[in-house]
Amino acid sequence: MRRTRASSLTALMFLPYLVIAIAFLRKLFRIIFLRNEVTYPEGASVYSFLMALHTGRLYSPPYEFPFNVQLYGPVFYWTGSVLARIAHGDPLTTTILCRSITFGAYLGCAVCAGLICWKLEKRVLWAWIAVVLGLACAWAVPWAASARPDVLAVFFILLALRIYLGAEGRIWLVFVAAAVASLSWLTKQTTALVLFALALDCLIGRRWKELGALVAGSVPIPAFILAALSLRREPFLANYWASRNAVISWYGPVKGAIFGLRANSVALVPICVALLGVVLIWRRRDYRSILLAVIFGSVSNLAAMANVGASTNYLILPWMLTLLMIPAGLSRIEQWTMRRTWIPVAILIASTVLLAHQKFLLAQTLPSDLDASRVSSLTMLSDQSYLELLSREPQLLDPYVYGNFSLRKVWDDAPILQRIDGEHYDLILMSMDPRFGSWAWGADMRAEMEGHYRVLCEADNRIAMVPQHRVDSVQAEDLTRIFKEPCNASANMPQYLGRG
């Protein structure tokens, strides 16, 4: 009786997270059907899917027109191309299907976390708490309903972990776990070290047959896919190695972690419970593989935040892995609660206060739907990849990445400069944020814009520019319909556009 009461009180500590999870699920479901960009640059991924459908090739040369670098794994682009085929090549339907698959993978991540926790502690209540906390991940919004690879890769690696834990010496299950894990890093490369953690677990435990099964299971799928890409002469490696040209800031992981915790302070309570669990189980053999996965998975994703422009999507895997440490911590808190009922009450109050302080997490506000019907007849240049995707001649859908390439002198922006100089574009749309604008567009490109385009109007923190020396193909009223708010006429060229 005392244990049942203690268990109930321990579970009530996480009542605020149930509220958060419900709010997030509702918001993510609405995001699926949003006619706007939800993550930057979502449109670049969707364009890759459509190109794969029309050309029959997953990858295109990253430094050639239409200048759309593809940094992720072939499983991601193949999945997207299948969805594009189902959608008959319609960009909006393809986007909705991709977001739906990602949302389903997010639900799958939470379920896998719960199943792993049940396997470790055999407590159904603790497993349900892990599911709720998995769905209450603020860092996954809006990534968990976007055409991006992060959540799908996390789902595959958590599924692999669950299969590996359930193998219990059955070699064929270890082989399957390795195969599923290979699908994860073939979706996005940042999960690869989790597979290495499982191999290290076998090595430490001197389970040579299981180690052999892991190695054998991790080879066939990558070997088949990479061989197929090579035979088809697809520029997979050219796109993959392009990521080496990203601008690096080694303060990025520290800044990213601090920013993530400040924006999501309610995560501190589960993290503390997980740390308590680590203290309790770090010597237990049944937890060794999970602990290694937590360490390697978290380090690899936090290290990826050294890329300038990295966002909270790199915190999704560390969060899901951290939840696997929570059951051990909950069991100890349950023991304390039998003697001191104030402990879970105090934690509940702390969680509630943190949520009240960050009630914006519960907000259901979304970007406005954009009316993109007008842009289909326009040739444009924009850092709003959703609109660029639907334009007459999509190109340079991720100007931020190509701005980095230009800084590193690995990409020649002459073709774009020539088009700007010849007033080829009917419309140029760019962010009015000087920080983003400076990164997204190279100095030469901004100077050409200033010399050959004039400001038409400003709307939705964007500036619209049209050619100086030919009849406008777009009017301020068109921009008003697109953004559903007035596009105010302006003759002022933002100072940050010019050189220097």
Protein backbone atom coordinates (compact mmCIF):
# COMPACT_ATOMS: atom_id res chain seq x y z
CA MET A 1 0.00 0.00 0.00
CA ARG A 2 2.76 2.42 0.92
CA ARG A 3 4.57 1.64 -2.34
CA THR A 4 1.43 2.22 -4.42
CA ARG A 5 0.92 5.59 -2.74
CA ALA A 6 4.60 6.46 -3.23
CA SER A 7 4.41 5.46 -6.89
CA SER A 8 1.35 7.65 -7.43
CA LEU A 9 2.98 10.63 -5.76
CA THR A 10 6.15 10.11 -7.81
CA ALA A 11 4.15 9.99 -11.03
CA LEU A 12 2.25 13.17 -10.11
CA MET A 13 5.57 15.05 -10.20
CA PHE A 14 5.29 14.96 -13.98
CA LEU A 15 1.73 16.22 -14.31
CA PRO A 16 2.95 19.56 -15.81
CA TYR A 17 4.75 17.60 -18.52
CA LEU A 18 1.50 15.87 -19.49
CA VAL A 19 0.03 19.33 -20.04
CA ILE A 20 3.06 20.29 -22.14
CA ALA A 21 2.88 17.07 -24.17
CA ILE A 22 -0.79 17.63 -25.03
CA ALA A 23 -0.07 21.23 -26.07
CA PHE A 24 2.86 20.16 -28.26
CA LEU A 25 0.91 17.36 -29.95
CA ARG A 26 -1.90 19.76 -30.78
CA LYS A 27 0.52 22.33 -32.17
CA LEU A 28 2.49 19.79 -34.21
CA PHE A 29 -0.70 18.41 -35.75
CA ARG A 30 -1.64 21.91 -36.89
CA ILE A 31 1.85 22.49 -38.28
CA ILE A 32 1.46 19.53 -40.65
CA PHE A 33 -1.05 21.47 -42.75
CA LEU A 34 0.59 24.90 -42.47
CA ARG A 35 1.21 26.63 -45.82
CA ASN A 36 4.47 28.18 -44.75
CA GLU A 37 7.99 27.19 -43.80
CA VAL A 38 8.25 25.66 -40.32
CA THR A 39 12.00 25.01 -40.22
CA TYR A 40 14.78 26.55 -42.26
CA PRO A 41 15.22 25.49 -45.04
CA GLU A 42 12.39 22.96 -45.27
CA GLY A 43 11.68 23.89 -48.88
CA ALA A 44 15.17 22.77 -49.91
CA SER A 45 14.43 19.23 -48.75
CA VAL A 46 11.06 19.12 -50.51
CA TYR A 47 12.69 20.40 -53.71
CA SER A 48 15.21 17.56 -53.49
CA PHE A 49 12.35 15.05 -53.29
CA LEU A 50 10.65 16.56 -56.33
CA MET A 51 13.89 16.61 -58.32
CA ALA A 52 14.48 12.94 -57.45
CA LEU A 53 10.99 12.15 -58.74
CA HIS A 54 11.50 14.00 -62.03
CA THR A 55 15.12 13.04 -62.72
CA GLY A 56 15.28 9.57 -61.16
CA ARG A 57 18.42 10.61 -59.24
CA LEU A 58 18.59 11.20 -55.48
CA TYR A 59 21.47 13.70 -55.60
CA SER A 60 22.41 16.61 -57.83
CA PRO A 61 25.82 18.35 -58.06
CA PRO A 62 25.93 20.80 -55.13
CA TYR A 63 27.93 23.51 -56.91
CA GLU A 64 25.89 23.55 -60.12
CA PHE A 65 22.49 25.03 -60.95
CA PRO A 66 19.99 24.98 -59.23
CA PHE A 67 22.47 25.15 -56.32
CA ASN A 68 20.68 22.91 -53.84
CA VAL A 69 23.16 21.10 -51.58
CA GLN A 70 21.89 17.82 -50.09
CA LEU A 71 23.70 17.23 -46.80
CA TYR A 72 21.70 14.27 -45.51
CA GLY A 73 21.66 10.54 -46.05
CA PRO A 74 20.17 8.65 -49.01
CA VAL A 75 17.44 7.00 -46.92
CA PHE A 76 15.99 10.45 -46.21
CA TYR A 77 15.95 11.51 -49.85
CA TRP A 78 14.66 8.12 -51.05
CA THR A 79 11.80 8.28 -48.53
CA GLY A 80 10.97 11.80 -49.67
CA SER A 81 11.04 10.79 -53.34
CA VAL A 82 8.55 7.97 -52.63
CA LEU A 83 6.24 10.45 -50.89
CA ALA A 84 6.62 12.85 -53.83
CA ARG A 85 5.55 10.06 -56.17
CA ILE A 86 2.51 9.31 -53.99
CA ALA A 87 1.67 13.04 -54.13
CA HIS A 88 2.03 13.02 -57.95
CA GLY A 89 4.73 15.67 -57.71
CA ASP A 90 2.56 18.28 -55.98
CA PRO A 91 4.83 20.33 -53.67
CA LEU A 92 2.17 21.09 -51.04
CA THR A 93 0.91 17.50 -50.81
CA THR A 94 4.50 16.23 -50.68
CA THR A 95 5.23 18.61 -47.80
CA ILE A 96 2.15 17.47 -45.88
CA LEU A 97 3.06 13.79 -46.36
CA CYS A 98 6.66 14.39 -45.25
CA ARG A 99 5.53 16.26 -42.15
CA SER A 100 3.05 13.48 -41.35
CA ILE A 101 5.76 10.81 -41.57
CA THR A 102 8.01 12.88 -39.31
CA PHE A 103 5.18 13.37 -36.81
CA GLY A 104 4.53 9.62 -36.80
CA ALA A 105 8.25 9.02 -36.21
CA TYR A 106 8.11 11.42 -33.25
CA LEU A 107 5.30 9.39 -31.70
CA GLY A 108 7.38 6.29 -32.41
CA CYS A 109 10.37 7.83 -30.60
CA ALA A 110 8.29 8.31 -27.45
CA VAL A 111 6.93 4.76 -27.65
CA CYS A 112 10.44 3.32 -28.14
CA ALA A 113 11.71 5.30 -25.13
CA GLY A 114 8.85 3.90 -23.05
CA LEU A 115 9.52 0.33 -24.18
CA ILE A 116 13.22 0.64 -23.38
CA CYS A 117 12.42 2.01 -19.91
CA TRP A 118 10.01 -0.88 -19.29
CA LYS A 119 12.69 -3.35 -20.39
CA LEU A 120 15.20 -1.83 -17.96
CA GLU A 121 13.08 -1.53 -14.80
CA LYS A 122 9.93 -3.60 -15.56
CA ARG A 123 7.73 -0.75 -14.30
CA VAL A 124 4.81 0.16 -16.56
CA LEU A 125 4.26 3.48 -14.77
CA TRP A 126 7.86 4.56 -15.35
CA ALA A 127 7.52 3.60 -19.01
CA TRP A 128 4.44 5.82 -19.39
CA ILE A 129 6.29 8.70 -17.75
CA ALA A 130 9.07 8.28 -20.32
CA VAL A 131 6.47 8.38 -23.12
CA VAL A 132 4.97 11.61 -21.75
CA LEU A 133 8.39 13.22 -21.34
CA GLY A 134 9.35 12.13 -24.85
CA LEU A 135 6.31 13.95 -26.21
CA ALA A 136 7.01 16.99 -24.02
CA CYS A 137 10.28 17.81 -25.79
CA ALA A 138 10.21 21.55 -26.55
CA TRP A 139 13.35 21.17 -28.66
CA ALA A 140 11.42 18.93 -31.07
CA VAL A 141 8.95 21.70 -31.97
CA PRO A 142 8.54 22.30 -34.90
CA TRP A 143 11.13 19.76 -36.14
CA ALA A 144 8.80 16.88 -35.24
CA ALA A 145 6.36 17.97 -37.96
CA SER A 146 8.71 19.09 -40.72
CA ALA A 147 10.26 17.74 -43.90
CA ARG A 148 13.58 17.21 -42.15
CA PRO A 149 15.56 14.04 -41.29
CA ASP A 150 16.28 14.58 -37.58
CA VAL A 151 13.31 12.86 -35.96
CA LEU A 152 13.24 9.99 -38.44
CA ALA A 153 16.90 9.27 -37.69
CA VAL A 154 16.22 9.39 -33.93
CA PHE A 155 13.32 6.96 -34.33
CA PHE A 156 15.47 4.42 -36.18
CA ILE A 157 18.25 4.56 -33.57
CA LEU A 158 15.83 4.21 -30.62
CA LEU A 159 14.18 1.26 -32.35
CA ALA A 160 17.62 -0.29 -32.84
CA LEU A 161 18.39 0.19 -29.14
CA ARG A 162 15.13 -1.52 -28.16
CA ILE A 163 15.84 -4.49 -30.44
CA TYR A 164 19.42 -4.73 -29.14
CA LEU A 165 18.27 -4.76 -25.51
CA GLY A 166 15.70 -7.44 -26.27
CA ALA A 167 18.16 -9.64 -28.13
CA GLU A 168 19.48 -11.29 -24.94
CA GLY A 169 22.11 -13.29 -26.77
CA ARG A 170 20.06 -14.01 -29.90
CA ILE A 171 22.52 -13.22 -32.66
CA TRP A 172 19.92 -12.67 -35.37
CA LEU A 173 18.26 -9.91 -33.30
CA VAL A 174 21.61 -8.20 -32.81
CA PHE A 175 22.05 -8.36 -36.59
CA VAL A 176 18.61 -6.76 -37.09
CA ALA A 177 19.41 -4.04 -34.54
CA ALA A 178 22.59 -3.15 -36.43
CA ALA A 179 20.68 -3.04 -39.73
CA VAL A 180 18.06 -0.69 -38.27
CA ALA A 181 20.82 1.47 -36.76
CA SER A 182 22.44 1.72 -40.20
CA LEU A 183 19.14 3.09 -41.53
CA SER A 184 19.42 5.79 -38.88
CA TRP A 185 22.82 7.13 -39.87
CA LEU A 186 21.92 6.73 -43.54
CA THR A 187 19.08 9.15 -42.75
CA LYS A 188 21.23 11.63 -40.84
CA GLN A 189 24.86 11.00 -39.98
CA THR A 190 24.83 12.37 -36.41
CA THR A 191 23.44 9.11 -34.98
CA ALA A 192 26.34 6.95 -36.21
CA LEU A 193 28.21 7.01 -32.88
CA VAL A 194 25.31 5.31 -31.10
CA LEU A 195 26.00 2.21 -33.21
CA PHE A 196 29.65 2.50 -32.20
CA ALA A 197 28.50 2.60 -28.55
CA LEU A 198 26.73 -0.74 -28.99
CA ALA A 199 29.85 -2.24 -30.54
CA LEU A 200 31.88 -0.93 -27.59
CA ASP A 201 29.40 -2.56 -25.20
CA CYS A 202 29.97 -5.93 -26.89
CA LEU A 203 33.73 -5.37 -26.80
CA ILE A 204 33.75 -4.53 -23.08
CA GLY A 205 31.56 -7.55 -22.34
CA ARG A 206 33.71 -9.78 -24.58
CA ARG A 207 30.64 -10.90 -26.47
CA TRP A 208 32.47 -11.61 -29.68
CA LYS A 209 29.60 -13.28 -31.54
CA GLU A 210 27.33 -10.31 -30.86
CA LEU A 211 30.10 -7.92 -31.92
CA GLY A 212 30.45 -9.87 -35.16
CA ALA A 213 26.68 -9.73 -35.67
CA LEU A 214 26.71 -5.95 -35.13
CA VAL A 215 29.46 -5.47 -37.68
CA ALA A 216 27.80 -7.86 -40.14
CA GLY A 217 24.38 -6.23 -39.69
CA SER A 218 25.69 -2.72 -40.20
CA VAL A 219 27.27 -3.51 -43.58
CA PRO A 220 24.67 -4.87 -46.08
CA ILE A 221 22.27 -1.93 -46.32
CA PRO A 222 24.97 0.81 -46.53
CA ALA A 223 26.99 -1.32 -48.95
CA PHE A 224 23.99 -1.87 -51.23
CA ILE A 225 22.91 1.79 -51.18
CA LEU A 226 26.38 3.25 -51.63
CA ALA A 227 27.16 0.77 -54.42
CA ALA A 228 23.95 1.72 -56.20
CA LEU A 229 24.76 5.43 -55.88
CA SER A 230 28.28 4.79 -57.19
CA LEU A 231 27.10 2.75 -60.19
CA ARG A 232 24.61 5.48 -61.04
CA ARG A 233 27.40 8.06 -60.69
CA GLU A 234 25.35 10.13 -58.27
CA PRO A 235 27.30 12.93 -56.54
CA PHE A 236 26.59 11.62 -53.04
CA LEU A 237 30.13 12.16 -51.76
CA ALA A 238 30.31 15.66 -53.25
CA ASN A 239 27.21 16.61 -51.26
CA TYR A 240 28.41 14.78 -48.15
CA TRP A 241 31.83 16.42 -48.12
CA ALA A 242 30.26 19.83 -48.71
CA SER A 243 29.40 19.84 -45.01
CA ARG A 244 33.13 20.22 -44.27
CA ASN A 245 32.87 23.76 -45.61
CA ALA A 246 30.46 24.90 -42.93
CA VAL A 247 31.61 27.76 -40.73
CA ILE A 248 32.61 26.34 -37.34
CA SER A 249 32.40 27.97 -33.92
CA TRP A 250 33.71 25.78 -31.12
CA TYR A 251 31.71 27.87 -28.66
CA GLY A 252 28.60 26.66 -30.50
CA PRO A 253 27.93 23.56 -28.36
CA VAL A 254 28.20 25.55 -25.12
CA LYS A 255 26.06 28.39 -26.46
CA GLY A 256 23.56 25.93 -27.92
CA ALA A 257 23.20 23.99 -24.67
CA ILE A 258 22.81 27.17 -22.62
CA PHE A 259 20.29 28.61 -25.06
CA GLY A 260 18.38 25.33 -25.14
CA LEU A 261 18.10 25.16 -21.35
CA ARG A 262 17.15 28.83 -21.01
CA ALA A 263 14.42 28.41 -23.60
CA ASN A 264 13.24 25.15 -22.02
CA SER A 265 14.00 25.36 -18.30
CA VAL A 266 11.26 22.84 -17.48
CA ALA A 267 13.63 20.20 -18.86
CA LEU A 268 15.87 20.68 -15.82
CA VAL A 269 13.71 18.50 -13.55
CA PRO A 270 13.78 15.37 -15.78
CA ILE A 271 17.48 15.96 -16.45
CA CYS A 272 18.20 16.00 -12.70
CA VAL A 273 16.20 12.80 -12.22
CA ALA A 274 18.17 11.22 -15.07
CA LEU A 275 21.48 12.31 -13.50
CA LEU A 276 20.38 10.67 -10.26
CA GLY A 277 19.71 7.53 -12.29
CA VAL A 278 23.20 7.68 -13.81
CA VAL A 279 24.77 7.86 -10.34
CA LEU A 280 22.81 4.78 -9.30
CA ILE A 281 23.32 2.55 -12.34
CA TRP A 282 26.67 3.43 -13.88
CA ARG A 283 28.16 0.12 -12.71
CA ARG A 284 25.19 -2.07 -13.67
CA ARG A 285 25.78 -4.31 -16.68
CA ASP A 286 22.16 -4.17 -17.87
CA TYR A 287 22.47 -0.39 -18.23
CA ARG A 288 25.95 -0.32 -19.77
CA SER A 289 24.83 -0.24 -23.42
CA ILE A 290 22.28 2.49 -22.70
CA LEU A 291 24.77 4.58 -20.75
CA LEU A 292 27.31 4.31 -23.58
CA ALA A 293 24.61 5.25 -26.09
CA VAL A 294 23.68 8.30 -23.99
CA ILE A 295 27.30 9.43 -23.82
CA PHE A 296 28.21 8.93 -27.48
CA GLY A 297 24.86 10.08 -28.86
CA SER A 298 24.81 13.24 -26.76
CA VAL A 299 28.43 14.15 -27.43
CA SER A 300 28.11 13.69 -31.20
CA ASN A 301 24.98 15.82 -31.43
CA LEU A 302 26.25 18.55 -29.13
CA ALA A 303 29.48 18.64 -31.14
CA ALA A 304 27.40 19.15 -34.30
CA MET A 305 26.17 22.41 -32.79
CA ALA A 306 29.62 23.81 -33.54
CA ASN A 307 28.27 24.45 -37.04
CA VAL A 308 27.24 28.09 -37.17
CA GLY A 309 23.46 28.14 -37.60
CA ALA A 310 22.84 24.82 -35.82
CA SER A 311 19.59 24.75 -33.89
CA THR A 312 17.76 22.82 -31.17
CA ASN A 313 17.15 19.90 -33.53
CA TYR A 314 20.51 18.59 -32.31
CA LEU A 315 19.09 18.35 -28.77
CA ILE A 316 16.31 15.92 -29.70
CA LEU A 317 18.46 12.76 -29.60
CA PRO A 318 20.25 13.73 -26.34
CA TRP A 319 16.84 14.34 -24.75
CA MET A 320 15.38 11.02 -25.85
CA LEU A 321 18.48 9.15 -24.69
CA THR A 322 18.52 10.99 -21.37
CA LEU A 323 14.98 9.76 -20.68
CA LEU A 324 16.33 6.20 -20.61
CA MET A 325 18.16 7.03 -17.37
CA ILE A 326 15.01 8.28 -15.64
CA PRO A 327 13.50 4.95 -14.44
CA ALA A 328 16.42 4.25 -12.10
CA GLY A 329 16.10 7.75 -10.65
CA LEU A 330 12.34 7.37 -10.25
CA SER A 331 12.77 4.11 -8.35
CA ARG A 332 15.04 5.84 -5.84
CA ILE A 333 12.68 8.82 -5.49
CA GLU A 334 9.86 6.35 -4.89
CA GLN A 335 11.86 4.84 -2.01
CA TRP A 336 12.46 8.29 -0.53
CA THR A 337 8.77 9.12 -0.89
CA MET A 338 7.79 6.22 1.39
CA ARG A 339 9.49 8.11 4.23
CA ARG A 340 9.32 11.73 3.04
CA THR A 341 6.16 12.55 1.07
CA TRP A 342 7.24 16.19 0.74
CA ILE A 343 9.91 15.25 -1.86
CA PRO A 344 7.58 14.59 -4.84
CA VAL A 345 5.38 17.50 -3.74
CA ALA A 346 8.39 19.83 -3.79
CA ILE A 347 9.42 18.56 -7.24
CA LEU A 348 5.86 19.02 -8.53
CA ILE A 349 5.84 22.60 -7.26
CA ALA A 350 9.22 23.26 -8.88
CA SER A 351 8.01 21.87 -12.23
CA THR A 352 4.81 23.92 -12.02
CA VAL A 353 6.71 27.12 -11.21
CA LEU A 354 9.08 26.55 -14.12
CA LEU A 355 6.15 25.95 -16.46
CA ALA A 356 4.36 29.07 -15.19
CA HIS A 357 7.56 31.03 -15.82
CA GLN A 358 7.73 29.62 -19.36
CA LYS A 359 4.04 29.44 -20.20
CA PHE A 360 4.94 30.52 -23.73
CA LEU A 361 5.78 26.84 -24.30
CA LEU A 362 2.04 26.16 -24.29
CA ALA A 363 1.30 28.85 -26.89
CA GLN A 364 -0.40 27.64 -30.06
CA THR A 365 0.76 30.56 -32.22
CA LEU A 366 1.94 29.56 -35.69
CA PRO A 367 3.29 31.50 -38.66
CA SER A 368 0.57 32.75 -40.98
CA ASP A 369 -0.41 30.72 -44.02
CA LEU A 370 1.13 32.21 -47.16
CA ASP A 371 -0.80 32.62 -50.39
CA ALA A 372 1.80 31.42 -52.90
CA SER A 373 -0.51 31.35 -55.95
CA ARG A 374 1.12 34.49 -57.39
CA VAL A 375 4.74 33.30 -57.20
CA SER A 376 4.28 30.39 -59.64
CA SER A 377 4.69 32.84 -62.54
CA LEU A 378 7.70 34.62 -61.04
CA THR A 379 11.41 33.98 -61.24
CA MET A 380 12.65 34.96 -57.82
CA LEU A 381 15.49 34.81 -55.34
CA SER A 382 14.52 34.41 -51.71
CA ASP A 383 15.60 33.13 -48.32
CA GLN A 384 11.96 32.06 -47.83
CA SER A 385 12.42 28.61 -49.33
CA TYR A 386 8.69 27.76 -49.16
CA LEU A 387 7.98 30.53 -51.68
CA GLU A 388 11.12 29.80 -53.70
CA LEU A 389 10.03 26.16 -54.00
CA LEU A 390 6.73 27.22 -55.60
CA SER A 391 8.25 29.81 -57.95
CA ARG A 392 8.76 29.35 -61.71
CA GLU A 393 12.46 28.47 -61.46
CA PRO A 394 13.47 27.37 -57.94
CA GLN A 395 17.15 27.91 -57.18
CA LEU A 396 19.48 28.59 -54.27
CA LEU A 397 16.87 27.40 -51.77
CA ASP A 398 19.39 27.55 -48.91
CA PRO A 399 21.30 30.82 -49.40
CA TYR A 400 22.62 30.53 -45.84
CA VAL A 401 24.69 27.44 -46.71
CA TYR A 402 25.89 28.94 -49.96
CA GLY A 403 26.84 32.12 -48.13
CA ASN A 404 29.15 29.92 -46.05
CA PHE A 405 30.49 28.27 -49.21
CA SER A 406 31.19 31.70 -50.66
CA LEU A 407 33.08 32.72 -47.52
CA ARG A 408 35.15 29.54 -47.78
CA LYS A 409 35.83 30.19 -51.49
CA VAL A 410 34.52 26.76 -52.49
CA TRP A 411 31.57 28.05 -54.51
CA ASP A 412 31.63 30.58 -57.31
CA ASP A 413 28.54 32.79 -57.09
CA ALA A 414 29.16 34.24 -60.59
CA PRO A 415 26.04 32.62 -62.14
CA ILE A 416 23.80 34.26 -59.53
CA LEU A 417 25.65 37.58 -59.83
CA GLN A 418 25.16 37.52 -63.61
CA ARG A 419 21.44 36.93 -63.19
CA ILE A 420 21.18 39.79 -60.72
CA ASP A 421 23.24 42.06 -62.98
CA GLY A 422 20.98 41.21 -65.92
CA GLU A 423 17.85 41.80 -63.79
CA HIS A 424 16.80 38.22 -64.48
CA TYR A 425 14.76 37.93 -61.29
CA ASP A 426 11.24 39.37 -61.16
CA LEU A 427 11.44 39.57 -57.38
CA ILE A 428 14.04 39.33 -54.62
CA LEU A 429 12.74 38.63 -51.12
CA MET A 430 15.05 38.65 -48.15
CA SER A 431 15.06 38.89 -44.40
CA MET A 432 15.26 42.36 -42.88
CA ASP A 433 17.25 40.98 -39.96
CA PRO A 434 20.81 42.29 -40.55
CA ARG A 435 22.33 39.28 -38.78
CA PHE A 436 20.54 36.74 -40.95
CA GLY A 437 20.82 38.82 -44.11
CA SER A 438 24.58 39.16 -43.74
CA TRP A 439 25.03 35.40 -43.42
CA ALA A 440 22.53 34.31 -46.03
CA TRP A 441 23.87 36.47 -48.86
CA GLY A 442 27.49 37.10 -49.75
CA ALA A 443 28.84 40.66 -49.83
CA ASP A 444 29.21 40.63 -53.63
CA MET A 445 25.66 39.41 -54.06
CA ARG A 446 24.27 42.08 -51.75
CA ALA A 447 26.20 44.78 -53.62
CA GLU A 448 24.77 43.59 -56.95
CA MET A 449 21.27 43.68 -55.49
CA GLU A 450 21.81 47.25 -54.35
CA GLY A 451 23.09 48.26 -57.79
CA HIS A 452 20.37 46.69 -59.95
CA TYR A 453 17.25 46.40 -57.79
CA ARG A 454 15.09 48.88 -55.94
CA VAL A 455 12.94 48.40 -52.85
CA LEU A 456 9.29 47.80 -53.69
CA CYS A 457 7.89 47.37 -50.19
CA GLU A 458 8.41 45.84 -46.76
CA ALA A 459 6.21 43.19 -45.13
CA ASP A 460 6.45 40.46 -42.50
CA ASN A 461 10.04 41.40 -41.64
CA ARG A 462 10.96 40.92 -45.28
CA ILE A 463 12.05 43.36 -47.93
CA ALA A 464 10.83 42.98 -51.51
CA MET A 465 12.98 44.27 -54.37
CA VAL A 466 12.25 44.53 -58.09
CA PRO A 467 14.47 45.39 -61.11
CA GLN A 468 15.36 49.04 -61.59
CA HIS A 469 15.23 49.12 -65.37
CA ARG A 470 12.23 47.07 -66.49
CA VAL A 471 8.51 46.97 -65.92
CA ASP A 472 7.62 45.37 -62.62
CA SER A 473 6.19 41.84 -62.83
CA VAL A 474 4.91 42.10 -59.28
CA GLN A 475 3.16 44.84 -57.34
CA ALA A 476 2.97 45.69 -53.66
CA GLU A 477 -0.59 44.34 -53.68
CA ASP A 478 0.75 40.93 -54.70
CA LEU A 479 3.05 40.87 -51.68
CA THR A 480 0.13 41.92 -49.48
CA ARG A 481 -1.82 38.87 -50.70
CA ILE A 482 1.17 36.57 -50.18
CA PHE A 483 1.90 37.60 -46.60
CA LYS A 484 -1.71 38.54 -45.74
CA GLU A 485 -0.62 41.83 -44.28
CA PRO A 486 0.13 45.22 -45.82
CA CYS A 487 3.37 45.47 -47.77
CA ASN A 488 4.32 49.07 -47.13
CA ALA A 489 6.01 51.01 -49.90
CA SER A 490 9.58 52.03 -49.13
CA ALA A 491 12.40 53.69 -51.00
CA ASN A 492 15.03 52.96 -48.40
CA MET A 493 17.67 50.33 -49.11
CA PRO A 494 18.73 48.59 -45.85
CA GLN A 495 22.25 49.64 -44.87
CA TYR A 496 23.45 46.06 -44.41
CA LEU A 497 22.85 45.23 -48.08
CA GLY A 498 25.91 47.04 -49.40
CA ARG A 499 29.53 45.99 -49.18
CA GLY A 500 31.31 46.20 -45.88
